[in-house]
């Protein structure tokens, strides 16, 4: 998940850089950017979205398809009712009754379509809010994770610094001990060399 978040944030940074590199127009109110660059970034951004958001988008598309199918069915029912009313008009004196019935059917179908439409919009809004909440939760989680990583790095650096300091102290102590031993050996050996030389 963290790798997926890194990809998304990286693509968002690329998008910001593309906007920053764009050509400003009308006192920076508008910016001209390469369509291929933005399209490529957006395609990769959509591909990097979490599966939950992709599923929500698929459900929204399915809701729109169902709404379209319902509207098509409603229009067909209305057209069939109208055709039936026209046929009855030419065949009998029950035209008014048939027209009234057709109008009732039409109104009922329209009401049903409106109900389906409102329900689809409500469901889509709920899914959108859930997707936004999930995105915010992921963002907050990424911030907490980044802070934890930085704290851990700081602790590791402090430990390494302490190790280096201890190593320097040990090295200095051994150097001092080594210098002391060399000086002592030289003092002890000097008389042996000095006996070969006599002052008159």
Protein backbone atom coordinates (compact mmCIF):
# COMPACT_ATOMS: atom_id res chain seq x y z
CA UNK A 1 0.00 0.00 0.00
CA UNK A 2 2.81 2.38 0.89
CA UNK A 3 4.42 1.74 -2.51
CA UNK A 4 1.06 2.51 -4.15
CA UNK A 5 0.81 5.75 -2.17
CA UNK A 6 4.36 6.69 -3.19
CA UNK A 7 3.43 6.16 -6.85
CA UNK A 8 0.31 8.33 -6.49
CA UNK A 9 2.18 11.14 -4.71
CA UNK A 10 4.97 10.91 -7.30
CA UNK A 11 2.47 11.27 -10.15
CA UNK A 12 0.82 14.20 -8.38
CA UNK A 13 4.23 15.86 -8.12
CA UNK A 14 4.77 15.25 -11.83
CA UNK A 15 1.42 16.89 -12.55
CA UNK A 16 2.36 19.91 -10.43
CA UNK A 17 5.70 20.15 -12.24
CA UNK A 18 3.92 20.00 -15.62
CA UNK A 19 1.68 22.87 -14.53
CA UNK A 20 4.66 24.84 -13.24
CA UNK A 21 6.44 24.35 -16.58
CA UNK A 22 3.35 25.40 -18.55
CA UNK A 23 3.03 28.67 -20.48
CA UNK A 24 1.11 31.30 -18.45
CA UNK A 25 -1.67 33.29 -20.11
CA UNK A 26 -3.61 36.41 -19.09
CA UNK A 27 -1.55 37.29 -16.06
CA UNK A 28 -1.21 33.68 -14.84
CA UNK A 29 -5.00 33.14 -14.79
CA UNK A 30 -4.53 30.28 -17.27
CA UNK A 31 -1.66 27.91 -18.00
CA UNK A 32 -1.03 26.11 -21.30
CA UNK A 33 0.41 22.61 -20.85
CA UNK A 34 1.02 19.73 -23.26
CA UNK A 35 -2.09 17.60 -23.48
CA UNK A 36 -0.09 14.38 -23.99
CA UNK A 37 1.96 15.02 -20.83
CA UNK A 38 -1.09 15.62 -18.64
CA UNK A 39 -3.04 12.73 -20.24
CA UNK A 40 -0.14 10.35 -19.65
CA UNK A 41 0.17 11.39 -16.00
CA UNK A 42 -3.60 11.09 -15.47
CA UNK A 43 -3.68 7.63 -17.09
CA UNK A 44 -0.91 6.44 -14.78
CA UNK A 45 -2.63 8.11 -11.83
CA UNK A 46 -5.91 6.29 -12.56
CA UNK A 47 -3.97 3.03 -12.93
CA UNK A 48 -2.31 3.59 -9.53
CA UNK A 49 -5.55 4.28 -7.65
CA UNK A 50 -6.47 1.80 -4.89
CA UNK A 51 -8.76 -1.07 -5.87
CA UNK A 52 -11.53 0.31 -3.63
CA UNK A 53 -11.68 3.54 -5.63
CA UNK A 54 -11.60 1.64 -8.93
CA UNK A 55 -14.48 -0.53 -7.73
CA UNK A 56 -16.41 2.58 -6.69
CA UNK A 57 -15.87 4.09 -10.15
CA UNK A 58 -17.02 0.83 -11.75
CA UNK A 59 -20.15 0.85 -9.59
CA UNK A 60 -20.86 4.44 -10.58
CA UNK A 61 -20.53 3.53 -14.25
CA UNK A 62 -22.85 0.56 -13.68
CA UNK A 63 -25.38 2.86 -11.97
CA UNK A 64 -25.28 5.18 -14.97
CA UNK A 65 -25.78 2.22 -17.31
CA UNK A 66 -28.75 1.02 -15.26
CA UNK A 67 -30.21 4.51 -15.25
CA UNK A 68 -29.78 4.73 -19.03
CA UNK A 69 -31.39 1.31 -19.48
CA UNK A 70 -34.30 2.35 -17.25
CA UNK A 71 -34.78 5.51 -19.28
CA UNK A 72 -34.68 3.49 -22.51
CA UNK A 73 -37.27 1.09 -21.13
CA UNK A 74 -39.43 3.98 -20.00
CA UNK A 75 -39.25 5.61 -23.41
CA UNK A 76 -40.12 2.30 -25.07
CA UNK A 77 -43.08 1.81 -22.74
CA UNK A 78 -44.25 5.35 -23.46
CA UNK A 79 -43.80 4.85 -27.20
CA UNK A 80 -45.66 1.53 -27.05
CA UNK A 81 -48.45 3.12 -25.03
CA UNK A 82 -48.72 5.97 -27.50
CA UNK A 83 -48.78 3.57 -30.43
CA UNK A 84 -51.44 1.51 -28.70
CA UNK A 85 -53.47 4.65 -28.03
CA UNK A 86 -53.24 5.66 -31.68
CA UNK A 87 -54.36 2.21 -32.76
CA UNK A 88 -57.33 2.30 -30.42
CA UNK A 89 -58.19 5.77 -31.70
CA UNK A 90 -58.73 4.40 -35.16
CA UNK A 91 -60.54 1.29 -34.00
CA UNK A 92 -63.00 2.36 -31.33
CA UNK A 93 -64.82 5.15 -29.54
CA UNK A 94 -62.85 4.46 -26.35
CA UNK A 95 -60.19 6.97 -27.34
CA UNK A 96 -60.51 9.15 -24.25
CA UNK A 97 -60.35 6.24 -21.85
CA UNK A 98 -57.29 4.85 -23.60
CA UNK A 99 -55.60 8.25 -23.64
CA UNK A 100 -56.23 8.70 -19.95
CA UNK A 101 -54.79 5.26 -19.24
CA UNK A 102 -51.77 5.94 -21.44
CA UNK A 103 -51.17 9.22 -19.64
CA UNK A 104 -51.33 7.45 -16.29
CA UNK A 105 -48.83 4.88 -17.49
CA UNK A 106 -46.59 7.64 -18.80
CA UNK A 107 -46.69 9.53 -15.52
CA UNK A 108 -46.05 6.36 -13.55
CA UNK A 109 -43.06 5.47 -15.72
CA UNK A 110 -41.66 8.98 -15.43
CA UNK A 111 -42.10 8.85 -11.65
CA UNK A 112 -40.36 5.46 -11.54
CA UNK A 113 -37.51 6.81 -13.66
CA UNK A 114 -37.15 9.82 -11.38
CA UNK A 115 -37.03 7.53 -8.35
CA UNK A 116 -34.34 5.40 -10.00
CA UNK A 117 -32.42 8.52 -10.97
CA UNK A 118 -32.53 9.98 -7.45
CA UNK A 119 -31.55 6.67 -5.89
CA UNK A 120 -28.64 6.30 -8.33
CA UNK A 121 -27.46 9.84 -7.59
CA UNK A 122 -27.73 9.26 -3.83
CA UNK A 123 -25.77 6.00 -4.11
CA UNK A 124 -23.15 7.69 -6.28
CA UNK A 125 -22.79 10.54 -3.77
CA UNK A 126 -22.43 8.07 -0.92
CA UNK A 127 -19.73 6.15 -2.80
CA UNK A 128 -17.95 9.39 -3.68
CA UNK A 129 -17.93 10.46 -0.03
CA UNK A 130 -16.66 7.04 1.00
CA UNK A 131 -13.90 7.25 -1.60
CA UNK A 132 -12.92 10.74 -0.36
CA UNK A 133 -12.89 9.52 3.25
CA UNK A 134 -10.74 6.55 2.26
CA UNK A 135 -8.35 8.80 0.34
CA UNK A 136 -8.06 11.13 3.36
CA UNK A 137 -7.48 8.15 5.64
CA UNK A 138 -4.74 6.86 3.33
CA UNK A 139 -3.17 10.34 3.22
CA UNK A 140 -3.22 10.61 7.03
CA UNK A 141 -1.75 7.13 7.33
CA UNK A 142 1.03 8.05 4.91
CA UNK A 143 1.85 11.19 6.94
CA UNK A 144 1.99 9.18 10.19
CA UNK A 145 4.17 6.55 8.53
CA UNK A 146 6.54 9.20 7.15
CA UNK A 147 6.84 10.78 10.59
CA UNK A 148 7.58 7.39 12.15
CA UNK A 149 10.26 6.70 9.52
CA UNK A 150 11.89 10.09 10.16
CA UNK A 151 11.88 9.51 13.95
CA UNK A 152 13.43 6.07 13.43
CA UNK A 153 16.10 7.52 11.14
CA UNK A 154 16.90 10.21 13.70
CA UNK A 155 17.30 7.58 16.41
CA UNK A 156 19.54 5.46 14.17
CA UNK A 157 21.67 8.49 13.30
CA UNK A 158 22.03 9.36 16.99
CA UNK A 159 23.12 5.79 17.74
CA UNK A 160 25.62 5.84 14.87
CA UNK A 161 26.98 9.18 16.06
CA UNK A 162 27.43 7.76 19.57
CA UNK A 163 29.21 4.69 18.14
CA UNK A 164 31.54 6.92 16.12
CA UNK A 165 32.32 9.06 19.17
CA UNK A 166 33.05 5.95 21.26
CA UNK A 167 35.29 4.61 18.50
CA UNK A 168 37.22 7.88 18.36
CA UNK A 169 37.69 7.87 22.14
CA UNK A 170 38.93 4.24 22.08
CA UNK A 171 41.27 4.98 19.18
CA UNK A 172 42.68 8.04 20.97
CA UNK A 173 43.13 6.03 24.18
CA UNK A 174 45.00 3.23 22.34
CA UNK A 175 47.16 5.77 20.57
CA UNK A 176 48.07 7.39 23.89
CA UNK A 177 48.82 3.99 25.44
CA UNK A 178 50.93 3.03 22.43
CA UNK A 179 52.91 6.30 22.59
CA UNK A 180 53.50 5.78 26.32
CA UNK A 181 54.84 2.28 25.77
CA UNK A 182 57.20 3.45 23.04
CA UNK A 183 58.52 6.26 25.26
CA UNK A 184 59.03 3.84 28.18
CA UNK A 185 60.90 1.34 26.02
CA UNK A 186 63.15 4.06 24.69
CA UNK A 187 64.02 5.28 28.22
CA UNK A 188 64.81 1.77 29.46
CA UNK A 189 67.00 0.96 26.48
CA UNK A 190 69.00 4.21 26.40
CA UNK A 191 71.63 3.25 29.01
CA UNK A 192 72.54 0.12 27.03
CA UNK A 193 73.30 2.22 23.98
CA UNK A 194 74.95 4.97 26.03
CA UNK A 195 77.63 2.69 27.56
CA UNK A 196 79.38 2.45 24.19
CA UNK A 197 79.97 6.21 24.26
CA UNK A 198 82.08 7.76 27.04
CA UNK A 199 82.67 11.37 27.74
CA UNK A 200 86.37 12.35 28.42
